[in-house]
Amino acid sequence: MAALGHTLPFYPGPKPTFPMDTALAVIITIFLAALVTFIIILPGIRGKTRLFWMLRVVTSLFIGAVILAVNFSSEWSVGQVNTNTTYKAFSPEWVSVDVGLQIGLGGVNITLTGTPVQQLNETINYNEEFTWRLGESYAEEYTKALEKGLPDPVLYLAEKFSPRSPCGLYNQYRLAGHYASAMLWVAFLCWLLANVMLSMPVLIYGGHMLLATGLFQLLALFFFSMATSLISPCPLRVGTAVLSPHRGPAFWITLATGLLCILLGLVMAVAHRMQPHRLKAFFNQSGEDPVLEWRSEEGGPLSPRYRSMVESPETQDIPMSETSSEIGFKEEHIKESDCAL
């Protein structure tokens, strides 16, 4: 490799890394584009409807973006430690590094960064992913990492999550990740149905779908939490330190979004019960067609103008002025007819 102009003894060079996960970048870009589009057409909306409409759009896009982003996130359980450890197998040389571990629903991500980055005439900056999603083999990826000759700390942590490891981390996290991911996809479907129903005159069912969205997110948290509660303690000792994973940002933001959906669903249910007109005004559905009532004895619609006169039990009095004028007009008409004869 040195003859080809590369600096590292075993690799053609460190791969250029994107600042963030590409799946998360695509999701954030799509939802930001949708938000910008809605903001562009916002000046065409007049009055208080503009504020209500903007609040609905921002809240809905936030919930949908979170559900998709956490499904592909690798930060459900995270841990980081600074330690001194061996760098290569069968080598007595030690390095000072920051070791990071991110556990997601579809696999683990291991980072290794030197402090400083340049040590032993090499650039110590690794970011390796090992997945257990459907259709992918964790064991094959671990075997390729062994063949590539990755540093000792990366291989050590990857081996702890392999199917043959006595720690049992692979089976628990893999099953919990599959079930949690399935619950999040159902929550995303409920979110889509909620948006459709909230744009129609069935607001109460949209609130029910928001409740379902929050409940399925909480179920995803329950399945993932089982992975840490049922697994026996397995210390991850990296060099002179022990790495202890804890709940990551994806876990807490899913919890907050799930509680938000449940709160919004309950508020809509109460508003539909107590103040239905204000709820319809918030969703710009206050203009309704008049409801025609049907009389059982006639079997047909009754105009609202005449409904009060027919259904009222009181007799309708005719003003005296109108009665006297009509009688006088009839008498004059009779006299004129007699003279003509």
C-alpha atoms as a PDB file:
ATOM      1  CA  MET A   1       0.000   0.000   0.000  1.00  0.00           C
ATOM      2  CA  ALA A   2       2.902   2.357   0.742  1.00  0.00           C
ATOM      3  CA  ALA A   3       4.126   1.902  -2.814  1.00  0.00           C
ATOM      4  CA  LEU A   4       0.762   3.198  -4.062  1.00  0.00           C
ATOM      5  CA  GLY A   5       1.101   6.379  -2.036  1.00  0.00           C
ATOM      6  CA  HIS A   6      -1.204   5.473   0.838  1.00  0.00           C
ATOM      7  CA  THR A   7      -0.302   6.329   4.411  1.00  0.00           C
ATOM      8  CA  LEU A   8      -1.907   3.480   6.346  1.00  0.00           C
ATOM      9  CA  PRO A   9      -0.203   0.082   6.326  1.00  0.00           C
ATOM     10  CA  PHE A  10      -3.353  -2.006   5.793  1.00  0.00           C
ATOM     11  CA  TYR A  11      -5.940   0.347   4.290  1.00  0.00           C
ATOM     12  CA  PRO A  12      -6.038   2.548   1.191  1.00  0.00           C
ATOM     13  CA  GLY A  13      -6.996   5.449   3.472  1.00  0.00           C
ATOM     14  CA  PRO A  14      -9.782   6.516   5.818  1.00  0.00           C
ATOM     15  CA  LYS A  15     -13.144   6.790   4.102  1.00  0.00           C
ATOM     16  CA  PRO A  16     -14.714  10.251   4.005  1.00  0.00           C
ATOM     17  CA  THR A  17     -17.594  10.288   6.472  1.00  0.00           C
ATOM     18  CA  PHE A  18     -20.803  12.270   6.244  1.00  0.00           C
ATOM     19  CA  PRO A  19     -21.448  14.460   9.319  1.00  0.00           C
ATOM     20  CA  MET A  20     -24.602  12.484  10.160  1.00  0.00           C
ATOM     21  CA  ASP A  21     -26.435   9.315   9.218  1.00  0.00           C
ATOM     22  CA  THR A  22     -27.587   9.446   5.612  1.00  0.00           C
ATOM     23  CA  ALA A  23     -31.040   8.012   6.436  1.00  0.00           C
ATOM     24  CA  LEU A  24     -31.620  10.708   9.053  1.00  0.00           C
ATOM     25  CA  ALA A  25     -30.345  13.353   6.640  1.00  0.00           C
ATOM     26  CA  VAL A  26     -32.843  12.258   3.973  1.00  0.00           C
ATOM     27  CA  ILE A  27     -35.760  12.245   6.448  1.00  0.00           C
ATOM     28  CA  ILE A  28     -34.898  15.661   7.854  1.00  0.00           C
ATOM     29  CA  THR A  29     -34.460  17.098   4.344  1.00  0.00           C
ATOM     30  CA  ILE A  30     -37.869  15.817   3.193  1.00  0.00           C
ATOM     31  CA  PHE A  31     -39.741  17.209   6.182  1.00  0.00           C
ATOM     32  CA  LEU A  32     -37.870  20.526   6.080  1.00  0.00           C
ATOM     33  CA  ALA A  33     -38.759  20.849   2.397  1.00  0.00           C
ATOM     34  CA  ALA A  34     -42.424  20.223   3.246  1.00  0.00           C
ATOM     35  CA  LEU A  35     -42.257  22.814   6.033  1.00  0.00           C
ATOM     36  CA  VAL A  36     -40.678  25.421   3.739  1.00  0.00           C
ATOM     37  CA  THR A  37     -43.395  24.758   1.150  1.00  0.00           C
ATOM     38  CA  PHE A  38     -46.132  25.358   3.715  1.00  0.00           C
ATOM     39  CA  ILE A  39     -44.417  28.535   4.927  1.00  0.00           C
ATOM     40  CA  ILE A  40     -44.288  29.871   1.358  1.00  0.00           C
ATOM     41  CA  ILE A  41     -48.063  29.548   0.950  1.00  0.00           C
ATOM     42  CA  LEU A  42     -48.733  30.889   4.458  1.00  0.00           C
ATOM     43  CA  PRO A  43     -49.242  34.559   3.379  1.00  0.00           C
ATOM     44  CA  GLY A  44     -52.249  33.483   1.301  1.00  0.00           C
ATOM     45  CA  ILE A  45     -54.158  32.594   4.484  1.00  0.00           C
ATOM     46  CA  ARG A  46     -55.936  35.475   6.239  1.00  0.00           C
ATOM     47  CA  GLY A  47     -56.917  36.168   9.825  1.00  0.00           C
ATOM     48  CA  LYS A  48     -56.497  33.900  12.823  1.00  0.00           C
ATOM     49  CA  THR A  49     -56.731  30.897  10.519  1.00  0.00           C
ATOM     50  CA  ARG A  50     -53.118  31.542   9.537  1.00  0.00           C
ATOM     51  CA  LEU A  51     -51.866  31.022  13.095  1.00  0.00           C
ATOM     52  CA  PHE A  52     -54.011  27.929  13.662  1.00  0.00           C
ATOM     53  CA  TRP A  53     -52.992  26.452  10.315  1.00  0.00           C
ATOM     54  CA  MET A  54     -49.277  27.039  10.968  1.00  0.00           C
ATOM     55  CA  LEU A  55     -49.513  25.485  14.426  1.00  0.00           C
ATOM     56  CA  ARG A  56     -51.214  22.376  13.027  1.00  0.00           C
ATOM     57  CA  VAL A  57     -48.669  21.979  10.224  1.00  0.00           C
ATOM     58  CA  VAL A  58     -45.587  22.374  12.451  1.00  0.00           C
ATOM     59  CA  THR A  59     -46.918  19.970  15.089  1.00  0.00           C
ATOM     60  CA  SER A  60     -47.910  17.335  12.544  1.00  0.00           C
ATOM     61  CA  LEU A  61     -44.615  17.484  10.643  1.00  0.00           C
ATOM     62  CA  PHE A  62     -42.657  17.290  13.887  1.00  0.00           C
ATOM     63  CA  ILE A  63     -44.486  14.141  15.002  1.00  0.00           C
ATOM     64  CA  GLY A  64     -44.068  12.428  11.636  1.00  0.00           C
ATOM     65  CA  ALA A  65     -40.387  13.341  11.358  1.00  0.00           C
ATOM     66  CA  VAL A  66     -39.649  12.045  14.854  1.00  0.00           C
ATOM     67  CA  ILE A  67     -41.378   8.702  14.252  1.00  0.00           C
ATOM     68  CA  LEU A  68     -39.384   8.077  11.081  1.00  0.00           C
ATOM     69  CA  ALA A  69     -36.077   9.443  12.393  1.00  0.00           C
ATOM     70  CA  VAL A  70     -35.967   7.409  15.600  1.00  0.00           C
ATOM     71  CA  ASN A  71     -36.795   4.258  13.639  1.00  0.00           C
ATOM     72  CA  PHE A  72     -33.505   4.608  11.768  1.00  0.00           C
ATOM     73  CA  SER A  73     -31.534   6.180  14.612  1.00  0.00           C
ATOM     74  CA  SER A  74     -28.672   4.370  16.329  1.00  0.00           C
ATOM     75  CA  GLU A  75     -28.906   6.364  19.569  1.00  0.00           C
ATOM     76  CA  TRP A  76     -31.479   4.443  21.573  1.00  0.00           C
ATOM     77  CA  SER A  77     -28.776   3.413  24.008  1.00  0.00           C
ATOM     78  CA  VAL A  78     -25.426   5.190  24.052  1.00  0.00           C
ATOM     79  CA  GLY A  79     -22.182   5.113  25.972  1.00  0.00           C
ATOM     80  CA  GLN A  80     -18.764   6.761  25.710  1.00  0.00           C
ATOM     81  CA  VAL A  81     -15.547   6.503  27.644  1.00  0.00           C
ATOM     82  CA  ASN A  82     -11.988   7.795  27.407  1.00  0.00           C
ATOM     83  CA  THR A  83      -9.435   5.095  28.025  1.00  0.00           C
ATOM     84  CA  ASN A  84      -5.927   3.806  27.335  1.00  0.00           C
ATOM     85  CA  THR A  85      -5.966   0.547  25.424  1.00  0.00           C
ATOM     86  CA  THR A  86      -4.066  -1.552  22.929  1.00  0.00           C
ATOM     87  CA  TYR A  87      -4.519  -0.546  19.320  1.00  0.00           C
ATOM     88  CA  LYS A  88      -3.607  -3.657  17.316  1.00  0.00           C
ATOM     89  CA  ALA A  89      -3.620  -7.339  18.081  1.00  0.00           C
ATOM     90  CA  PHE A  90      -0.320  -8.819  19.211  1.00  0.00           C
ATOM     91  CA  SER A  91       1.101  -5.335  19.745  1.00  0.00           C
ATOM     92  CA  PRO A  92       2.285  -3.960  23.126  1.00  0.00           C
ATOM     93  CA  GLU A  93       1.703  -0.326  22.115  1.00  0.00           C
ATOM     94  CA  TRP A  94      -1.106   1.531  23.809  1.00  0.00           C
ATOM     95  CA  VAL A  95      -3.067   4.567  22.643  1.00  0.00           C
ATOM     96  CA  SER A  96      -5.360   7.126  24.278  1.00  0.00           C
ATOM     97  CA  VAL A  97      -8.760   7.013  22.614  1.00  0.00           C
ATOM     98  CA  ASP A  98     -12.441   7.925  23.005  1.00  0.00           C
ATOM     99  CA  VAL A  99     -14.625   4.838  22.516  1.00  0.00           C
ATOM    100  CA  GLY A 100     -18.301   5.325  21.723  1.00  0.00           C
ATOM    101  CA  LEU A 101     -21.125   2.802  21.491  1.00  0.00           C
ATOM    102  CA  GLN A 102     -24.543   3.546  19.986  1.00  0.00           C
ATOM    103  CA  ILE A 103     -27.226   0.849  20.024  1.00  0.00           C
ATOM    104  CA  GLY A 104     -30.209   1.242  17.701  1.00  0.00           C
ATOM    105  CA  LEU A 105     -33.169  -0.807  16.582  1.00  0.00           C
ATOM    106  CA  GLY A 106     -31.254  -2.221  13.608  1.00  0.00           C
ATOM    107  CA  GLY A 107     -27.731  -2.687  14.942  1.00  0.00           C
ATOM    108  CA  VAL A 108     -24.813  -1.138  16.799  1.00  0.00           C
ATOM    109  CA  ASN A 109     -22.446   1.647  15.836  1.00  0.00           C
ATOM    110  CA  ILE A 110     -18.928   1.774  17.293  1.00  0.00           C
ATOM    111  CA  THR A 111     -16.688   4.829  17.123  1.00  0.00           C
ATOM    112  CA  LEU A 112     -13.003   5.058  17.953  1.00  0.00           C
ATOM    113  CA  THR A 113     -11.277   8.448  17.989  1.00  0.00           C
ATOM    114  CA  GLY A 114      -7.721   9.050  19.138  1.00  0.00           C
ATOM    115  CA  THR A 115      -6.857  11.811  21.605  1.00  0.00           C
ATOM    116  CA  PRO A 116      -5.007  13.199  19.708  1.00  0.00           C
ATOM    117  CA  VAL A 117      -6.161  11.766  16.385  1.00  0.00           C
ATOM    118  CA  GLN A 118      -2.601  11.240  15.098  1.00  0.00           C
ATOM    119  CA  GLN A 119      -0.886   8.476  17.065  1.00  0.00           C
ATOM    120  CA  LEU A 120       1.584   5.777  16.101  1.00  0.00           C
ATOM    121  CA  ASN A 121       1.946   7.498  12.705  1.00  0.00           C
ATOM    122  CA  GLU A 122      -1.704   6.698  11.960  1.00  0.00           C
ATOM    123  CA  THR A 123      -5.033   8.519  11.933  1.00  0.00           C
ATOM    124  CA  ILE A 124      -7.217   6.928  14.606  1.00  0.00           C
ATOM    125  CA  ASN A 125     -10.742   7.831  13.541  1.00  0.00           C
ATOM    126  CA  TYR A 126     -13.141   4.908  12.990  1.00  0.00           C
ATOM    127  CA  ASN A 127     -16.903   4.708  12.694  1.00  0.00           C
ATOM    128  CA  GLU A 128     -18.086   1.137  12.110  1.00  0.00           C
ATOM    129  CA  GLU A 129     -21.652  -0.169  11.913  1.00  0.00           C
ATOM    130  CA  PHE A 130     -22.831  -3.742  12.497  1.00  0.00           C
ATOM    131  CA  THR A 131     -26.491  -4.417  11.680  1.00  0.00           C
ATOM    132  CA  TRP A 132     -28.980  -7.176  12.448  1.00  0.00           C
ATOM    133  CA  ARG A 133     -31.904  -5.972  10.330  1.00  0.00           C
ATOM    134  CA  LEU A 134     -33.904  -8.471   8.319  1.00  0.00           C
ATOM    135  CA  GLY A 135     -31.943  -9.675   5.306  1.00  0.00           C
ATOM    136  CA  GLU A 136     -28.553  -8.812   6.823  1.00  0.00           C
ATOM    137  CA  SER A 137     -26.156 -11.027   8.756  1.00  0.00           C
ATOM    138  CA  TYR A 138     -24.346  -9.664  11.786  1.00  0.00           C
ATOM    139  CA  ALA A 139     -21.966 -12.635  11.804  1.00  0.00           C
ATOM    140  CA  GLU A 140     -20.855 -11.961   8.224  1.00  0.00           C
ATOM    141  CA  GLU A 141     -20.215  -8.305   8.969  1.00  0.00           C
ATOM    142  CA  TYR A 142     -18.184  -9.244  12.036  1.00  0.00           C
ATOM    143  CA  THR A 143     -16.165 -11.717   9.962  1.00  0.00           C
ATOM    144  CA  LYS A 144     -15.412  -9.019   7.390  1.00  0.00           C
ATOM    145  CA  ALA A 145     -14.264  -6.717  10.206  1.00  0.00           C
ATOM    146  CA  LEU A 146     -11.839  -9.407  11.375  1.00  0.00           C
ATOM    147  CA  GLU A 147     -10.505  -9.830   7.856  1.00  0.00           C
ATOM    148  CA  LYS A 148     -10.122  -6.083   7.461  1.00  0.00           C
ATOM    149  CA  GLY A 149      -8.072  -5.912  10.659  1.00  0.00           C
ATOM    150  CA  LEU A 150      -9.987  -3.262  12.577  1.00  0.00           C
ATOM    151  CA  PRO A 151      -8.513  -1.994  15.876  1.00  0.00           C
ATOM    152  CA  ASP A 152      -8.883  -4.062  19.022  1.00  0.00           C
ATOM    153  CA  PRO A 153     -11.473  -1.880  20.831  1.00  0.00           C
ATOM    154  CA  VAL A 154     -13.838  -2.009  17.824  1.00  0.00           C
ATOM    155  CA  LEU A 155     -13.530  -5.771  17.445  1.00  0.00           C
ATOM    156  CA  TYR A 156     -13.935  -6.301  21.185  1.00  0.00           C
ATOM    157  CA  LEU A 157     -17.244  -4.412  21.364  1.00  0.00           C
ATOM    158  CA  ALA A 158     -18.502  -5.947  18.112  1.00  0.00           C
ATOM    159  CA  GLU A 159     -17.743  -9.431  19.480  1.00  0.00           C
ATOM    160  CA  LYS A 160     -19.862  -8.739  22.592  1.00  0.00           C
ATOM    161  CA  PHE A 161     -22.925  -8.282  20.337  1.00  0.00           C
ATOM    162  CA  SER A 162     -22.216 -11.244  18.058  1.00  0.00           C
ATOM    163  CA  PRO A 163     -24.622 -14.244  18.023  1.00  0.00           C
ATOM    164  CA  ARG A 164     -21.984 -16.543  19.586  1.00  0.00           C
ATOM    165  CA  SER A 165     -21.169 -14.255  22.488  1.00  0.00           C
ATOM    166  CA  PRO A 166     -22.030 -15.686  25.936  1.00  0.00           C
ATOM    167  CA  CYS A 167     -23.391 -12.267  26.994  1.00  0.00           C
ATOM    168  CA  GLY A 168     -26.613 -12.832  25.074  1.00  0.00           C
ATOM    169  CA  LEU A 169     -26.814  -9.224  23.930  1.00  0.00           C
ATOM    170  CA  TYR A 170     -27.490 -10.127  20.302  1.00  0.00           C
ATOM    171  CA  ASN A 171     -30.736 -12.058  20.760  1.00  0.00           C
ATOM    172  CA  GLN A 172     -32.293  -9.613  23.214  1.00  0.00           C
ATOM    173  CA  TYR A 173     -31.449  -6.417  21.343  1.00  0.00           C
ATOM    174  CA  ARG A 174     -32.290  -7.949  17.967  1.00  0.00           C
ATOM    175  CA  LEU A 175     -35.771  -9.125  18.986  1.00  0.00           C
ATOM    176  CA  ALA A 176     -36.506  -5.955  20.918  1.00  0.00           C
ATOM    177  CA  GLY A 177     -35.382  -3.867  17.945  1.00  0.00           C
ATOM    178  CA  HIS A 178     -37.616  -5.788  15.514  1.00  0.00           C
ATOM    179  CA  TYR A 179     -40.721  -5.388  17.687  1.00  0.00           C
ATOM    180  CA  ALA A 180     -40.000  -1.737  18.507  1.00  0.00           C
ATOM    181  CA  SER A 181     -39.468  -0.937  14.826  1.00  0.00           C
ATOM    182  CA  ALA A 182     -42.775  -2.638  13.941  1.00  0.00           C
ATOM    183  CA  MET A 183     -44.608  -0.565  16.564  1.00  0.00           C
ATOM    184  CA  LEU A 184     -43.088   2.629  15.182  1.00  0.00           C
ATOM    185  CA  TRP A 185     -44.222   1.768  11.653  1.00  0.00           C
ATOM    186  CA  VAL A 186     -47.760   1.236  12.961  1.00  0.00           C
ATOM    187  CA  ALA A 187     -47.509   4.571  14.779  1.00  0.00           C
ATOM    188  CA  PHE A 188     -46.469   6.224  11.513  1.00  0.00           C
ATOM    189  CA  LEU A 189     -49.502   4.711   9.774  1.00  0.00           C
ATOM    190  CA  CYS A 190     -51.776   6.030  12.548  1.00  0.00           C
ATOM    191  CA  TRP A 191     -50.175   9.450  12.104  1.00  0.00           C
ATOM    192  CA  LEU A 192     -51.030   9.399   8.388  1.00  0.00           C
ATOM    193  CA  LEU A 193     -54.639   8.404   9.139  1.00  0.00           C
ATOM    194  CA  ALA A 194     -54.879  11.149  11.748  1.00  0.00           C
ATOM    195  CA  ASN A 195     -53.836  13.771   9.197  1.00  0.00           C
ATOM    196  CA  VAL A 196     -56.406  12.499   6.711  1.00  0.00           C
ATOM    197  CA  MET A 197     -59.229  12.499   9.263  1.00  0.00           C
ATOM    198  CA  LEU A 198     -58.329  15.922  10.668  1.00  0.00           C
ATOM    199  CA  SER A 199     -58.738  17.361   7.180  1.00  0.00           C
ATOM    200  CA  MET A 200     -62.283  15.968   7.032  1.00  0.00           C
ATOM    201  CA  PRO A 201     -65.349  16.670   9.226  1.00  0.00           C
ATOM    202  CA  VAL A 202     -64.510  13.681  11.464  1.00  0.00           C
ATOM    203  CA  LEU A 203     -62.269  15.414  14.002  1.00  0.00           C
ATOM    204  CA  ILE A 204     -63.036  13.037  16.857  1.00  0.00           C
ATOM    205  CA  TYR A 205     -61.672  10.082  14.882  1.00  0.00           C
ATOM    206  CA  GLY A 206     -58.548  12.093  14.088  1.00  0.00           C
ATOM    207  CA  GLY A 207     -58.105  12.552  17.830  1.00  0.00           C
ATOM    208  CA  HIS A 208     -58.485   8.813  18.318  1.00  0.00           C
ATOM    209  CA  MET A 209     -55.754   8.215  15.734  1.00  0.00           C
ATOM    210  CA  LEU A 210     -53.482  10.623  17.599  1.00  0.00           C
ATOM    211  CA  LEU A 211     -54.084   8.605  20.756  1.00  0.00           C
ATOM    212  CA  ALA A 212     -53.202   5.423  18.866  1.00  0.00           C
ATOM    213  CA  THR A 213     -50.037   7.080  17.536  1.00  0.00           C
ATOM    214  CA  GLY A 214     -48.873   7.881  21.046  1.00  0.00           C
ATOM    215  CA  LEU A 215     -49.767   4.448  22.421  1.00  0.00           C
ATOM    216  CA  PHE A 216     -47.797   2.618  19.730  1.00  0.00           C
ATOM    217  CA  GLN A 217     -44.773   4.816  20.401  1.00  0.00           C
ATOM    218  CA  LEU A 218     -44.960   3.919  24.081  1.00  0.00           C
ATOM    219  CA  LEU A 219     -45.212   0.240  23.105  1.00  0.00           C
ATOM    220  CA  ALA A 220     -41.997   0.635  21.099  1.00  0.00           C
ATOM    221  CA  LEU A 221     -40.297   2.003  24.220  1.00  0.00           C
ATOM    222  CA  PHE A 222     -41.632  -0.920  26.249  1.00  0.00           C
ATOM    223  CA  PHE A 223     -40.190  -3.517  23.871  1.00  0.00           C
ATOM    224  CA  PHE A 224     -36.804  -1.809  23.771  1.00  0.00           C
ATOM    225  CA  SER A 225     -36.698  -1.448  27.560  1.00  0.00           C
ATOM    226  CA  MET A 226     -37.146  -5.206  27.895  1.00  0.00           C
ATOM    227  CA  ALA A 227     -33.701  -5.634  26.301  1.00  0.00           C
ATOM    228  CA  THR A 228     -31.973  -3.911  29.217  1.00  0.00           C
ATOM    229  CA  SER A 229     -34.165  -5.331  31.981  1.00  0.00           C
ATOM    230  CA  LEU A 230     -33.918  -9.009  30.988  1.00  0.00           C
ATOM    231  CA  ILE A 231     -30.209  -9.106  30.056  1.00  0.00           C
ATOM    232  CA  SER A 232     -27.764 -10.204  32.723  1.00  0.00           C
ATOM    233  CA  PRO A 233     -24.992  -7.701  33.464  1.00  0.00           C
ATOM    234  CA  CYS A 234     -22.173  -7.983  30.936  1.00  0.00           C
ATOM    235  CA  PRO A 235     -19.319  -5.547  31.645  1.00  0.00           C
ATOM    236  CA  LEU A 236     -17.788  -3.913  28.591  1.00  0.00           C
ATOM    237  CA  ARG A 237     -14.202  -3.378  29.712  1.00  0.00           C
ATOM    238  CA  VAL A 238     -12.202  -1.388  27.180  1.00  0.00           C
ATOM    239  CA  GLY A 239      -8.589  -1.016  28.291  1.00  0.00           C
ATOM    240  CA  THR A 240      -8.478   0.599  31.705  1.00  0.00           C
ATOM    241  CA  ALA A 241     -12.133   1.707  31.774  1.00  0.00           C
ATOM    242  CA  VAL A 242     -15.605   0.159  31.722  1.00  0.00           C
ATOM    243  CA  LEU A 243     -18.160   1.373  29.172  1.00  0.00           C
ATOM    244  CA  SER A 244     -21.718   1.545  30.559  1.00  0.00           C
ATOM    245  CA  PRO A 245     -24.507   2.280  28.037  1.00  0.00           C
ATOM    246  CA  HIS A 246     -27.538   4.337  29.084  1.00  0.00           C
ATOM    247  CA  ARG A 247     -30.733   5.645  27.500  1.00  0.00           C
ATOM    248  CA  GLY A 248     -29.996   7.729  24.424  1.00  0.00           C
ATOM    249  CA  PRO A 249     -31.621  10.789  22.804  1.00  0.00           C
ATOM    250  CA  ALA A 250     -33.794   8.665  20.491  1.00  0.00           C
ATOM    251  CA  PHE A 251     -35.406   6.947  23.488  1.00  0.00           C
ATOM    252  CA  TRP A 252     -36.278  10.170  25.286  1.00  0.00           C
ATOM    253  CA  ILE A 253     -37.527  12.040  22.226  1.00  0.00           C
ATOM    254  CA  THR A 254     -39.781   9.068  21.403  1.00  0.00           C
ATOM    255  CA  LEU A 255     -41.152   9.195  24.937  1.00  0.00           C
ATOM    256  CA  ALA A 256     -41.801  12.943  24.690  1.00  0.00           C
ATOM    257  CA  THR A 257     -43.480  12.634  21.283  1.00  0.00           C
ATOM    258  CA  GLY A 258     -45.653   9.730  22.422  1.00  0.00           C
ATOM    259  CA  LEU A 259     -46.853  11.679  25.471  1.00  0.00           C
ATOM    260  CA  LEU A 260     -47.487  14.710  23.243  1.00  0.00           C
ATOM    261  CA  CYS A 261     -49.682  12.651  20.904  1.00  0.00           C
ATOM    262  CA  ILE A 262     -51.673  11.239  23.820  1.00  0.00           C
ATOM    263  CA  LEU A 263     -52.118  14.722  25.293  1.00  0.00           C
ATOM    264  CA  LEU A 264     -53.309  16.152  21.971  1.00  0.00           C
ATOM    265  CA  GLY A 265     -55.719  13.253  21.497  1.00  0.00           C
ATOM    266  CA  LEU A 266     -57.212  13.746  24.975  1.00  0.00           C
ATOM    267  CA  VAL A 267     -57.521  17.493  24.454  1.00  0.00           C
ATOM    268  CA  MET A 268     -59.374  16.921  21.186  1.00  0.00           C
ATOM    269  CA  ALA A 269     -61.714  14.426  22.833  1.00  0.00           C
ATOM    270  CA  VAL A 270     -62.524  16.865  25.652  1.00  0.00           C
ATOM    271  CA  ALA A 271     -62.914  19.784  23.227  1.00  0.00           C
ATOM    272  CA  HIS A 272     -65.237  17.737  21.031  1.00  0.00           C
ATOM    273  CA  ARG A 273     -67.345  17.030  24.101  1.00  0.00           C
ATOM    274  CA  MET A 274     -67.303  20.501  25.679  1.00  0.00           C
ATOM    275  CA  GLN A 275     -66.558  23.041  22.924  1.00  0.00           C
ATOM    276  CA  PRO A 276     -67.185  21.442  19.516  1.00  0.00           C
ATOM    277  CA  HIS A 277     -67.617  24.795  17.751  1.00  0.00           C
ATOM    278  CA  ARG A 278     -64.208  26.074  18.890  1.00  0.00           C
ATOM    279  CA  LEU A 279     -62.616  22.798  17.851  1.00  0.00           C
ATOM    280  CA  LYS A 280     -64.123  23.111  14.380  1.00  0.00           C
ATOM    281  CA  ALA A 281     -63.004  26.731  14.190  1.00  0.00           C
ATOM    282  CA  PHE A 282     -59.428  25.705  15.055  1.00  0.00           C
ATOM    283  CA  PHE A 283     -59.456  23.226  12.168  1.00  0.00           C
ATOM    284  CA  ASN A 284     -61.202  25.722   9.865  1.00  0.00           C
ATOM    285  CA  GLN A 285     -64.385  23.646   9.691  1.00  0.00           C
ATOM    286  CA  SER A 286     -66.814  26.057  11.397  1.00  0.00           C
ATOM    287  CA  GLY A 287     -68.903  26.724   8.247  1.00  0.00           C
ATOM    288  CA  GLU A 288     -71.520  23.987   8.121  1.00  0.00           C
ATOM    289  CA  ASP A 289     -74.620  23.489   6.006  1.00  0.00           C
ATOM    290  CA  PRO A 290     -77.938  23.910   7.858  1.00  0.00           C
ATOM    291  CA  VAL A 291     -79.383  20.643   9.039  1.00  0.00           C
ATOM    292  CA  LEU A 292     -82.847  19.933   7.718  1.00  0.00           C
ATOM    293  CA  GLU A 293     -85.141  18.348  10.252  1.00  0.00           C
ATOM    294  CA  TRP A 294     -87.746  15.837   9.229  1.00  0.00           C
ATOM    295  CA  ARG A 295     -91.312  15.779  10.513  1.00  0.00           C
ATOM    296  CA  SER A 296     -92.493  12.274  11.278  1.00  0.00           C
ATOM    297  CA  GLU A 297     -96.119  12.990  10.344  1.00  0.00           C
ATOM    298  CA  GLU A 298     -95.315  14.452   6.950  1.00  0.00           C
ATOM    299  CA  GLY A 299     -92.188  12.489   6.136  1.00  0.00           C
ATOM    300  CA  GLY A 300     -90.527  15.427   4.398  1.00  0.00           C
ATOM    301  CA  PRO A 301     -88.099  18.240   5.134  1.00  0.00           C
ATOM    302  CA  LEU A 302     -89.469  21.350   6.807  1.00  0.00           C
ATOM    303  CA  SER A 303     -88.010  24.738   5.978  1.00  0.00           C
ATOM    304  CA  PRO A 304     -86.381  26.427   9.004  1.00  0.00           C
ATOM    305  CA  ARG A 305     -88.420  29.606   8.313  1.00  0.00           C
ATOM    306  CA  TYR A 306     -91.735  27.848   8.997  1.00  0.00           C
ATOM    307  CA  ARG A 307     -90.541  25.326  11.595  1.00  0.00           C
ATOM    308  CA  SER A 308     -91.066  27.613  14.589  1.00  0.00           C
ATOM    309  CA  MET A 309     -94.610  28.596  13.561  1.00  0.00           C
ATOM    310  CA  VAL A 310     -95.825  25.026  13.061  1.00  0.00           C
ATOM    311  CA  GLU A 311     -94.098  23.429  16.048  1.00  0.00           C
ATOM    312  CA  SER A 312     -94.909  26.255  18.480  1.00  0.00           C
ATOM    313  CA  PRO A 313     -97.803  25.317  20.831  1.00  0.00           C
ATOM    314  CA  GLU A 314     -98.925  28.926  21.129  1.00  0.00           C
ATOM    315  CA  THR A 315    -101.561  30.355  18.757  1.00  0.00           C
ATOM    316  CA  GLN A 316    -100.369  32.878  16.259  1.00  0.00           C
ATOM    317  CA  ASP A 317    -102.248  36.192  16.808  1.00  0.00           C
ATOM    318  CA  ILE A 318    -102.955  38.470  13.850  1.00  0.00           C
ATOM    319  CA  PRO A 319    -102.409  42.166  14.518  1.00  0.00           C
ATOM    320  CA  MET A 320    -105.654  44.256  14.796  1.00  0.00           C
ATOM    321  CA  SER A 321    -104.406  46.926  12.450  1.00  0.00           C
ATOM    322  CA  GLU A 322    -103.986  44.433   9.646  1.00  0.00           C
ATOM    323  CA  THR A 323    -107.440  42.856  10.345  1.00  0.00           C
ATOM    324  CA  SER A 324    -109.344  46.163  10.333  1.00  0.00           C
ATOM    325  CA  SER A 325    -107.675  47.315   7.149  1.00  0.00           C
ATOM    326  CA  GLU A 326    -108.638  44.091   5.392  1.00  0.00           C
ATOM    327  CA  ILE A 327    -112.337  44.373   6.543  1.00  0.00           C
ATOM    328  CA  GLY A 328    -112.569  47.999   5.405  1.00  0.00           C
ATOM    329  CA  PHE A 329    -111.175  47.119   2.010  1.00  0.00           C
ATOM    330  CA  LYS A 330    -113.807  44.353   1.557  1.00  0.00           C
ATOM    331  CA  GLU A 331    -116.745  46.714   2.497  1.00  0.00           C
ATOM    332  CA  GLU A 332    -115.623  49.390   0.034  1.00  0.00           C
ATOM    333  CA  HIS A 333    -115.344  46.777  -2.665  1.00  0.00           C
ATOM    334  CA  ILE A 334    -118.973  45.595  -2.017  1.00  0.00           C
ATOM    335  CA  LYS A 335    -120.355  49.168  -2.165  1.00  0.00           C
ATOM    336  CA  GLU A 336    -118.648  49.860  -5.449  1.00  0.00           C
ATOM    337  CA  SER A 337    -120.160  46.695  -6.923  1.00  0.00           C
ATOM    338  CA  ASP A 338    -123.724  47.687  -5.790  1.00  0.00           C
ATOM    339  CA  CYS A 339    -123.473  51.123  -7.396  1.00  0.00           C
ATOM    340  CA  ALA A 340    -122.345  49.575 -10.587  1.00  0.00           C
ATOM    341  CA  LEU A 341    -125.477  47.433 -10.659  1.00  0.00           C
END
